[in-house]
Protein backbone atom coordinates (compact mmCIF):
# COMPACT_ATOMS: atom_id res chain seq x y z
CA MET A 1 79.39 -95.73 -135.21
CA SER A 2 78.23 -93.82 -132.13
CA SER A 3 74.70 -94.41 -130.90
CA LYS A 4 72.12 -92.52 -128.88
CA PHE A 5 71.28 -95.75 -127.05
CA ASP A 6 73.07 -97.38 -124.13
CA TYR A 7 73.80 -101.10 -124.33
CA SER A 8 74.65 -103.80 -121.83
CA PRO A 9 77.45 -106.30 -122.71
CA SER A 10 74.90 -108.98 -123.61
CA GLU A 11 73.01 -106.53 -125.84
CA LEU A 12 76.22 -105.69 -127.68
CA GLU A 13 76.76 -109.40 -128.33
CA ILE A 14 73.21 -109.75 -129.64
CA ASN A 15 73.71 -106.72 -131.89
CA LYS A 16 76.71 -108.40 -133.50
CA VAL A 17 74.81 -111.65 -134.05
CA ILE A 18 71.87 -109.79 -135.58
CA LYS A 19 74.25 -107.89 -137.84
CA LYS A 20 75.97 -111.11 -138.94
CA HIS A 21 72.75 -112.97 -139.67
CA ASN A 22 71.23 -109.98 -141.41
CA ASP A 23 74.28 -109.61 -143.66
CA ASP A 24 74.26 -113.37 -144.35
CA LEU A 25 70.59 -113.31 -145.30
CA ILE A 26 71.11 -110.36 -147.64
CA ASP A 27 74.03 -112.19 -149.26
CA ILE A 28 72.01 -115.40 -149.62
CA HIS A 29 69.08 -113.45 -151.06
CA GLU A 30 71.28 -111.80 -153.68
CA LYS A 31 72.91 -115.11 -154.64
CA LEU A 32 69.54 -116.86 -154.93
CA LYS A 33 68.21 -113.99 -156.95
CA ASN A 34 71.10 -114.23 -159.41
CA VAL A 35 70.82 -118.02 -159.56
CA GLY A 36 67.07 -117.75 -160.08
CA LEU A 37 67.48 -115.26 -162.92
CA LYS A 38 70.08 -117.46 -164.65
CA MET A 39 67.90 -120.55 -164.13
CA ASP A 40 64.86 -118.78 -165.60
CA ASP A 41 66.96 -117.70 -168.58
CA ASP A 42 68.28 -121.25 -169.10
CA ILE A 43 64.76 -122.69 -168.89
CA GLN A 44 63.45 -120.23 -171.45
CA GLN A 45 66.33 -121.04 -173.82
CA SER A 46 65.71 -124.79 -173.39
CA ILE A 47 62.01 -124.33 -174.12
CA SER A 48 62.83 -122.34 -177.27
CA ILE A 49 65.22 -125.05 -178.50
CA LEU A 50 62.66 -127.82 -177.82
CA LYS A 51 59.99 -125.89 -179.70
CA GLU A 52 62.34 -125.41 -182.68
CA LEU A 53 62.97 -129.17 -182.70
CA GLY A 54 59.22 -129.85 -182.85
CA PHE A 55 58.63 -130.86 -179.23
CA ALA A 56 56.41 -127.90 -178.28
CA GLN A 57 53.48 -130.08 -177.16
CA GLU A 58 55.69 -132.13 -174.86
CA VAL A 59 56.98 -129.02 -173.00
CA ASN A 60 55.40 -128.50 -169.55
CA PRO A 61 56.47 -125.15 -168.08
CA ILE A 62 57.57 -125.25 -164.42
CA THR A 63 55.17 -123.29 -162.18
CA PRO A 64 55.84 -121.82 -158.72
CA SER A 65 53.52 -124.43 -157.21
CA GLN A 66 55.94 -127.19 -158.13
CA ARG A 67 58.29 -127.82 -155.21
CA ARG A 68 61.23 -130.02 -154.51
CA GLU A 69 61.15 -132.88 -152.09
CA PRO A 70 61.92 -131.84 -148.50
CA ASN A 71 65.61 -131.73 -147.69
CA SER A 72 66.54 -134.69 -145.47
CA SER A 73 70.19 -133.86 -144.95
CA PRO A 74 71.39 -133.20 -141.37
CA LEU A 75 70.80 -129.70 -140.00
CA ILE A 76 73.89 -128.17 -138.41
CA VAL A 77 73.17 -125.99 -135.35
CA LYS A 78 76.06 -123.96 -133.98
CA SER A 79 76.52 -123.22 -130.29
CA TRP A 80 76.37 -119.64 -129.04
CA ASP A 81 80.10 -119.60 -128.31
CA ASN A 82 80.78 -120.78 -131.83
CA ILE A 83 78.52 -118.10 -133.29
CA MET A 84 80.15 -115.40 -131.15
CA SER A 85 83.62 -116.53 -132.17
CA GLU A 86 82.76 -116.17 -135.86
CA THR A 87 80.96 -112.91 -135.25
CA ASN A 88 83.82 -111.29 -133.34
CA LYS A 89 86.22 -112.23 -136.13
CA ARG A 90 84.01 -110.54 -138.70
CA TYR A 91 83.11 -107.52 -136.53
CA PRO A 92 85.91 -106.73 -134.07
CA ASN A 93 84.34 -103.37 -133.15
CA GLU A 94 81.07 -102.70 -131.33
CA ILE A 95 77.87 -102.95 -133.36
CA VAL A 96 74.98 -100.58 -132.61
CA LEU A 97 71.45 -100.46 -133.97
CA GLU A 98 72.41 -97.76 -136.44
CA ASP A 99 74.83 -100.30 -137.99
CA ILE A 100 72.05 -102.86 -138.42
CA PHE A 101 69.07 -100.81 -139.60
CA THR A 102 68.82 -98.09 -142.19
CA ASP A 103 67.87 -94.53 -141.29
CA ASP A 104 64.45 -95.07 -142.86
CA GLU A 105 63.86 -98.21 -140.76
CA ILE A 106 64.87 -96.45 -137.54
CA THR A 107 62.65 -93.47 -138.42
CA ALA A 108 59.72 -95.78 -139.21
CA ASN A 109 60.20 -97.56 -135.90
CA SER A 110 60.27 -94.23 -134.05
CA HIS A 111 57.06 -93.13 -135.78
CA TYR A 112 55.42 -96.43 -134.85
CA LEU A 113 56.27 -95.95 -131.17
CA ILE A 114 54.84 -92.43 -131.34
CA LEU A 115 51.67 -93.89 -132.85
CA LEU A 116 51.36 -96.42 -130.01
CA ARG A 117 51.80 -93.67 -127.41
CA LYS A 118 49.14 -91.61 -129.17
CA GLN A 119 46.80 -94.62 -129.10
CA PHE A 120 47.33 -94.88 -125.34
CA TYR A 121 46.60 -91.17 -124.94
CA GLU A 122 43.40 -91.46 -126.98
CA LEU A 123 42.23 -94.40 -124.85
CA ASN A 124 42.79 -92.51 -121.59
CA LYS A 125 41.89 -88.90 -122.38
CA LEU A 126 38.59 -87.33 -121.37
CA ASP A 127 36.28 -86.42 -124.24
CA LYS A 128 33.78 -83.55 -124.46
CA TRP A 129 31.04 -85.58 -122.75
CA ASP A 130 33.32 -86.43 -119.84
CA TYR A 131 34.18 -82.77 -119.35
CA ALA A 132 30.53 -81.74 -119.72
CA VAL A 133 29.31 -84.27 -117.15
CA SER A 134 32.12 -83.35 -114.71
CA GLY A 135 31.29 -79.66 -115.02
CA ILE A 136 27.53 -80.16 -114.63
CA ILE A 137 27.87 -82.48 -111.62
CA GLY A 138 30.41 -80.16 -110.00
CA THR A 139 28.04 -77.23 -110.47
CA ILE A 140 25.09 -79.16 -109.03
CA ALA A 141 27.21 -80.13 -106.00
CA ALA A 142 28.28 -76.50 -105.56
CA LEU A 143 24.64 -75.36 -105.63
CA LEU A 144 23.75 -78.02 -103.04
CA ASP A 145 26.54 -76.73 -100.81
CA TYR A 146 25.59 -73.10 -101.25
CA PHE A 147 21.84 -73.39 -100.69
CA PHE A 148 21.36 -76.50 -98.55
CA VAL A 149 24.53 -77.33 -96.56
CA THR A 150 24.70 -73.89 -94.94
CA LYS A 151 22.49 -70.84 -95.09
CA VAL A 152 24.29 -67.54 -95.70
CA ASN A 153 23.21 -64.03 -94.80
CA LEU A 154 25.33 -61.94 -97.17
CA LYS A 155 24.48 -58.72 -95.34
CA THR A 156 25.61 -59.83 -91.90
CA GLY A 157 27.98 -62.65 -92.93
CA GLU A 158 26.10 -65.04 -90.64
CA VAL A 159 26.36 -68.72 -91.61
CA VAL A 160 24.18 -71.40 -90.03
CA PRO A 161 23.44 -75.07 -90.81
CA GLY A 162 21.17 -75.55 -93.79
CA SER A 163 18.22 -77.79 -94.55
CA LEU A 164 20.36 -80.88 -95.18
CA LYS A 165 21.37 -80.98 -91.51
CA SER A 166 17.80 -80.50 -90.33
CA GLY A 167 16.72 -83.20 -92.77
CA VAL A 168 19.24 -85.60 -91.24
CA GLU A 169 17.96 -84.76 -87.76
CA LYS A 170 14.36 -85.42 -88.84
CA LEU A 171 15.45 -88.76 -90.25
CA TRP A 172 17.11 -89.64 -86.94
CA ASP A 173 13.89 -88.65 -85.15
CA LYS A 174 12.09 -91.36 -87.13
CA VAL A 175 14.82 -93.99 -86.87
CA LEU A 176 15.74 -93.23 -83.24
CA PRO A 177 12.71 -91.81 -81.43
CA PHE A 178 13.01 -90.49 -77.88
CA ASP A 179 12.08 -93.79 -76.19
CA THR A 180 14.63 -95.73 -78.24
CA VAL A 181 17.37 -93.25 -77.38
CA LYS A 182 16.61 -93.58 -73.66
CA LYS A 183 16.82 -97.37 -73.89
CA LEU A 184 20.15 -97.16 -75.69
CA GLU A 185 21.53 -94.69 -73.13
CA LYS A 186 20.53 -97.01 -70.28
CA LYS A 187 21.87 -100.16 -71.94
CA TYR A 188 25.16 -98.82 -73.26
CA LYS A 189 26.67 -96.78 -70.45
CA VAL A 190 30.31 -95.78 -70.88
CA PRO A 191 32.93 -94.41 -68.43
CA PHE A 192 33.89 -91.54 -70.72
CA ASP A 193 30.35 -90.06 -70.72
CA ILE A 194 31.24 -87.57 -67.95
CA SER A 195 29.40 -84.30 -68.55
CA THR A 196 30.71 -82.27 -65.59
CA ASN A 197 33.63 -82.31 -63.18
CA THR A 198 32.30 -84.64 -60.49
CA SER A 199 33.79 -86.86 -57.81
CA LYS A 200 34.01 -89.70 -60.35
CA ILE A 201 37.16 -88.11 -61.73
CA SER A 202 40.13 -86.88 -59.76
CA GLN A 203 41.49 -84.33 -62.25
CA GLU A 204 39.43 -81.41 -63.46
CA VAL A 205 38.76 -81.13 -67.21
CA LEU A 206 38.52 -77.40 -67.86
CA GLY A 207 35.38 -76.38 -69.79
CA LEU A 208 33.50 -79.67 -69.35
CA THR A 209 29.74 -79.03 -69.59
CA PRO A 210 26.66 -81.12 -70.48
CA LYS A 211 26.44 -79.40 -73.90
CA THR A 212 30.13 -79.74 -74.85
CA HIS A 213 31.31 -82.90 -73.07
CA ARG A 214 30.77 -85.03 -76.21
CA PHE A 215 33.20 -82.76 -78.03
CA GLN A 216 35.82 -82.83 -75.28
CA SER A 217 35.62 -86.59 -74.64
CA ILE A 218 37.49 -88.24 -77.53
CA GLY A 219 35.50 -91.45 -77.07
CA HIS A 220 32.50 -89.67 -78.65
CA ASP A 221 34.34 -89.03 -81.93
CA PRO A 222 32.79 -91.24 -84.69
CA LEU A 223 36.26 -92.39 -85.80
CA LEU A 224 38.62 -91.85 -82.89
CA GLY A 225 35.97 -93.28 -80.57
CA PHE A 226 36.66 -96.75 -81.90
CA ILE A 227 40.24 -96.34 -80.65
CA PHE A 228 40.09 -94.18 -77.53
CA GLY A 229 36.52 -95.05 -76.60
CA ILE A 230 37.17 -98.79 -76.73
CA LYS A 231 40.40 -98.25 -74.80
CA ASP A 232 38.47 -96.29 -72.14
CA LEU A 233 35.86 -99.04 -71.88
CA MET A 234 38.50 -101.75 -71.46
CA LYS A 235 40.33 -99.74 -68.77
CA GLY A 236 37.49 -97.81 -67.13
CA GLU A 237 39.01 -94.45 -68.09
CA LEU A 238 38.14 -91.03 -69.48
CA THR A 239 40.28 -89.56 -72.26
CA ALA A 240 39.46 -85.90 -72.78
CA ILE A 241 40.87 -82.59 -74.00
CA ASP A 242 40.49 -79.66 -71.62
CA GLY A 243 40.01 -75.98 -72.39
CA ASN A 244 43.77 -75.41 -72.53
CA GLY A 245 44.25 -78.11 -75.19
CA ARG A 246 45.78 -80.65 -72.81
CA LEU A 247 45.08 -84.36 -73.27
CA ILE A 248 43.94 -85.77 -69.94
CA VAL A 249 43.64 -89.50 -69.28
CA GLN A 250 42.28 -90.60 -65.89
CA THR A 251 40.45 -93.45 -64.22
CA VAL A 252 36.70 -93.07 -63.65
CA ASN A 253 35.67 -94.20 -60.17
CA GLY A 254 33.02 -96.90 -59.92
CA THR A 255 33.47 -98.36 -63.41
CA GLU A 256 34.39 -101.92 -64.33
CA PRO A 257 36.58 -102.67 -67.36
CA ILE A 258 35.01 -104.88 -70.03
CA GLY A 259 36.35 -107.16 -72.77
CA PHE A 260 37.25 -106.15 -76.31
CA ILE A 261 34.17 -107.53 -78.09
CA ASN A 262 31.77 -106.09 -75.51
CA ALA A 263 33.65 -102.78 -75.75
CA ILE A 264 33.06 -102.60 -79.51
CA ILE A 265 29.33 -103.35 -79.11
CA THR A 266 28.98 -100.88 -76.25
CA GLN A 267 30.89 -98.17 -78.13
CA PHE A 268 28.65 -98.52 -81.18
CA GLY A 269 25.47 -98.57 -79.07
CA HIS A 270 26.49 -95.48 -77.10
CA LEU A 271 27.36 -93.47 -80.21
CA LEU A 272 23.99 -94.47 -81.65
CA SER A 273 22.28 -93.15 -78.54
CA ASP A 274 24.11 -89.82 -78.83
CA VAL A 275 23.89 -89.24 -82.57
CA ASN A 276 20.56 -87.47 -82.18
CA ALA A 277 20.93 -86.36 -78.57
CA ALA A 278 19.14 -83.23 -77.36
CA SER A 279 19.43 -81.03 -74.29
CA ASP A 280 16.63 -80.53 -71.78
CA THR A 281 15.63 -77.41 -73.73
CA GLY A 282 15.33 -79.41 -76.99
CA MET A 283 18.63 -78.21 -78.49
CA LYS A 284 20.08 -80.82 -80.88
CA LEU A 285 23.61 -81.75 -79.83
CA SER A 286 24.78 -84.98 -81.51
CA ILE A 287 28.35 -86.26 -81.53
CA PRO A 288 31.25 -84.33 -83.12
CA ALA A 289 32.13 -84.32 -86.80
CA PRO A 290 34.93 -86.87 -87.28
CA LEU A 291 38.38 -85.74 -86.07
CA THR A 292 37.29 -82.18 -85.24
CA PRO A 293 37.83 -82.65 -81.45
CA LEU A 294 41.59 -82.83 -82.13
CA LEU A 295 41.48 -79.14 -83.15
CA GLN A 296 41.05 -78.29 -79.44
CA MET A 297 44.72 -79.08 -78.99
CA VAL A 298 45.67 -76.22 -81.36
CA GLN A 299 45.55 -73.30 -78.94
CA VAL A 300 47.00 -70.73 -81.33
CA GLY A 301 45.66 -68.16 -83.78
CA GLY A 302 43.14 -65.38 -83.59
CA ILE A 303 40.11 -66.05 -85.80
CA GLU A 304 37.04 -63.82 -85.75
CA TYR A 305 33.75 -65.66 -85.48
CA ASN A 306 30.39 -63.93 -84.93
CA GLY A 307 32.04 -60.82 -83.56
CA LYS A 308 34.54 -62.52 -81.23
CA VAL A 309 38.13 -63.69 -81.68
CA TYR A 310 39.02 -67.30 -80.86
CA THR A 311 42.00 -69.60 -80.98
CA ILE A 312 41.59 -72.56 -83.36
CA GLY A 313 40.90 -74.85 -80.40
CA ASP A 314 38.25 -72.57 -78.86
CA LEU A 315 36.73 -71.89 -82.28
CA SER A 316 36.24 -75.61 -82.98
CA LYS A 317 34.44 -76.01 -79.66
CA LYS A 318 32.24 -72.96 -80.27
CA MET A 319 31.36 -74.15 -83.79
CA TYR A 320 30.38 -77.56 -82.40
CA TYR A 321 28.09 -75.81 -79.91
CA ASP A 322 26.54 -73.88 -82.83
CA GLY A 323 25.79 -77.06 -84.78
CA TYR A 324 29.01 -78.04 -86.58
CA ASN A 325 28.54 -81.68 -85.54
CA PHE A 326 28.10 -85.16 -86.96
CA ASN A 327 24.67 -84.43 -88.46
CA HIS A 328 26.09 -81.36 -90.19
CA PHE A 329 28.98 -83.57 -91.34
CA ILE A 330 26.46 -85.87 -93.06
CA GLY A 331 24.90 -82.81 -94.73
CA MET A 332 28.34 -81.63 -95.88
CA SER A 333 29.03 -85.10 -97.29
CA ILE A 334 25.96 -85.18 -99.54
CA PRO A 335 27.35 -82.93 -102.35
CA VAL A 336 30.55 -85.01 -102.35
CA LEU A 337 28.56 -88.25 -102.46
CA VAL A 338 26.49 -86.89 -105.35
CA ILE A 339 29.72 -86.31 -107.31
CA HIS A 340 31.05 -89.82 -106.69
CA ILE A 341 27.78 -91.67 -107.26
CA ILE A 342 26.74 -89.91 -110.47
CA ILE A 343 30.21 -89.94 -112.07
CA HIS A 344 30.70 -93.64 -111.31
CA LEU A 345 27.20 -94.36 -112.63
CA TYR A 346 27.91 -92.32 -115.78
CA SER A 347 31.17 -94.20 -116.41
CA PHE A 348 29.46 -97.55 -115.86
CA LEU A 349 26.52 -96.83 -118.18
CA ARG A 350 28.63 -95.27 -120.91
CA ASP A 351 30.97 -98.24 -120.87
CA ILE A 352 27.95 -100.52 -121.40
CA PHE A 353 26.17 -98.56 -124.12
CA SER A 354 29.08 -97.01 -126.04
CA ASP A 355 31.33 -99.28 -128.10
CA SER A 356 33.87 -96.51 -128.67
CA TYR A 357 34.24 -95.60 -124.98
CA THR A 358 36.95 -97.16 -122.85
CA LYS A 359 36.23 -97.01 -119.13
CA ASN A 360 39.14 -96.95 -116.71
CA LYS A 361 39.93 -95.86 -113.16
CA HIS A 362 41.97 -92.82 -114.18
CA LYS A 363 39.18 -91.28 -116.28
CA THR A 364 36.84 -91.57 -113.32
CA ASP A 365 39.45 -90.05 -110.99
CA LEU A 366 40.01 -87.12 -113.37
CA MET A 367 36.27 -86.47 -113.64
CA ILE A 368 35.88 -86.56 -109.86
CA PHE A 369 38.82 -84.17 -109.54
CA ILE A 370 37.20 -81.67 -111.95
CA ALA A 371 33.82 -81.84 -110.19
CA ASN A 372 35.45 -81.63 -106.74
CA SER A 373 37.46 -78.60 -107.82
CA ILE A 374 34.26 -76.77 -108.77
CA LEU A 375 32.62 -77.66 -105.45
CA CYS A 376 35.69 -76.71 -103.43
CA ALA A 377 36.12 -73.43 -105.33
CA GLU A 378 32.51 -72.51 -104.53
CA ASN A 379 33.06 -73.33 -100.87
CA VAL A 380 36.27 -71.32 -100.66
CA GLY A 381 34.46 -68.44 -102.34
CA LYS A 382 31.71 -68.67 -99.72
CA LEU A 383 34.34 -68.55 -96.97
CA VAL A 384 36.07 -65.54 -98.54
CA VAL A 385 32.82 -63.61 -98.95
CA THR A 386 31.33 -64.36 -95.54
CA LYS A 387 34.65 -64.51 -93.62
CA ASN A 388 32.87 -67.06 -91.44
CA PRO A 389 34.65 -70.41 -90.76
CA PHE A 390 31.28 -72.12 -90.27
CA ALA A 391 30.96 -72.00 -94.07
CA ILE A 392 33.84 -74.48 -94.47
CA ASN A 393 32.79 -77.80 -95.98
CA TYR A 394 35.77 -79.75 -94.75
CA VAL A 395 34.49 -82.97 -96.36
CA SER A 396 34.81 -81.29 -99.75
CA TRP A 397 38.27 -79.97 -98.89
CA ILE A 398 39.52 -83.38 -97.81
CA ASP A 399 38.04 -85.16 -100.83
CA THR A 400 39.45 -82.52 -103.19
CA ALA A 401 42.89 -82.89 -101.62
CA LYS A 402 42.62 -86.67 -101.96
CA SER A 403 41.59 -86.54 -105.63
CA THR A 404 44.30 -83.94 -106.33
CA VAL A 405 46.98 -86.27 -104.97
CA LYS A 406 45.61 -89.17 -107.05
CA VAL A 407 45.54 -87.09 -110.23
CA LEU A 408 49.03 -85.68 -109.65
CA LYS A 409 50.36 -89.20 -109.05
CA TYR A 410 48.72 -90.35 -112.27
CA VAL A 411 49.98 -87.41 -114.35
CA LEU A 412 53.53 -87.40 -112.96
CA ILE A 413 54.16 -91.13 -112.42
CA ASP A 414 51.47 -93.64 -113.37
CA TYR A 415 50.74 -92.29 -116.85
CA LYS A 416 54.30 -92.82 -118.10
CA LEU A 417 54.56 -96.25 -116.46
CA GLU A 418 51.24 -97.44 -117.86
CA GLN A 419 52.07 -95.99 -121.27
CA LEU A 420 55.32 -97.98 -121.30
CA GLU A 421 53.44 -101.10 -120.23
CA TYR A 422 50.83 -100.58 -122.97
CA VAL A 423 53.49 -100.15 -125.69
CA GLN A 424 55.50 -103.10 -124.37
CA GLN A 425 52.44 -105.37 -124.37
CA ILE A 426 51.79 -104.62 -128.07
CA ILE A 427 55.45 -105.19 -128.92
CA ASP A 428 55.41 -108.46 -126.95
CA GLN A 429 52.30 -109.60 -128.82
CA GLN A 430 53.96 -108.90 -132.15
CA LEU A 431 57.12 -110.67 -130.98
CA ASN A 432 55.09 -113.72 -129.94
CA HIS A 433 53.51 -113.74 -133.40
CA THR A 434 57.02 -113.72 -134.91
CA TYR A 435 58.06 -116.61 -132.66
CA LYS A 436 55.03 -118.61 -133.74
CA SER A 437 55.84 -117.92 -137.40
CA VAL A 438 59.43 -119.06 -136.87
CA ASN A 439 58.29 -122.23 -135.10
CA LEU A 440 55.83 -123.03 -137.89
CA THR A 441 58.55 -122.54 -140.48
CA TRP A 442 60.89 -124.78 -138.51
CA ASP A 443 58.25 -127.49 -138.18
CA LYS A 444 57.46 -127.27 -141.87
CA TRP A 445 60.99 -127.47 -143.28
CA CYS A 446 63.22 -128.84 -140.57
CA SER A 447 61.19 -131.10 -138.28
CA ASN A 448 62.14 -134.29 -140.19
CA ARG A 449 65.81 -133.46 -140.51
CA PRO A 450 68.37 -134.77 -138.02
CA VAL A 451 69.89 -131.95 -135.94
CA LEU A 452 73.62 -131.92 -135.26
CA GLU A 453 75.00 -129.44 -132.74
CA LEU A 454 78.35 -127.96 -133.67
CA ILE A 455 80.32 -127.19 -130.53
């Protein structure tokens, strides 16, 4: 018989053995059934004869609880080669599952697997409360972005930093007052803190000014600074990007290289001194938003911003000057943090207080994806309406892209793999139960019998 399944050579051997043993058991069952029926008939006839002869009181009917003494004869165990030899003689052709099981058994097995897959789906799907919480949190985050991350003038299209950025700056004012900043600046001097083209450097960095040097010097980037800034400290160099998008690395005269550990401490101290920096006129400057200085190297495009057209590189520098910096980055991050914190807290609390709820990583990822999508959609809408790139919440965009990749990976790959693992675990548990039952039966009926292996 043809089969819809593919089999390895060893599986085909096992199929034949299963078929042989199954047929043998059916044959034994039928023989025992016939013998049992004849025995019952003989017993009933004997009882009737004894009663007719006047021995009714002496008759004690045999009950199912009465058992024979355990069999003590040797138990013959055949080797696998011996079993296969007998099996191949009986079944010279290939045996497939359809030859072993009936159509009803195969259908029942298929329905059972479908049931297990449905159970897995029910355990991992989002319910109405999950969707409701994701939607509400996403909406709250979108409102935070719209009203507090940036302020929008719909008439003019002007977009400026909102109250979250100013709140961060006020917090820095308390944590890092003016005197503390001056002490940090004096203690943690760095070679890459060159604000103008002076005699300390031999190659001019086009566009270097006191108000933009932190954006052009890569050592001031909150992330890249711990690579390039530490490198500059250990070599006494300046790594910067000039107005034409060129990466310029040069030695700074009069500086002494320092060791790796001291470089890390100095780098952190200097960034701390600059995080709430201000110009002589009181203008808040700060350090760049992470990775944004790299955009200076993209000297292409023509993007309109506040009435002028800029390349991507020039636009990033102009936006930094207008306040698109690290403090604004913290403000942009708050709606995203709200999504992550509240959804994780919701999942944690619901798992504790709801017996019917199953918490897992994928549910949380899906909820974060839904909430992030709402936030990102609002931010894209703000950009489309205002046509002002300052409205971009790039933290939201990055986090949405990240959660999208995770969800796609789960839907396209992980879900099927974990579903297979879930079904296989249940099947393995049932198989282990069968093995235990077989072992108990063996111990009960065969443990005291000598075992002879037939080669």
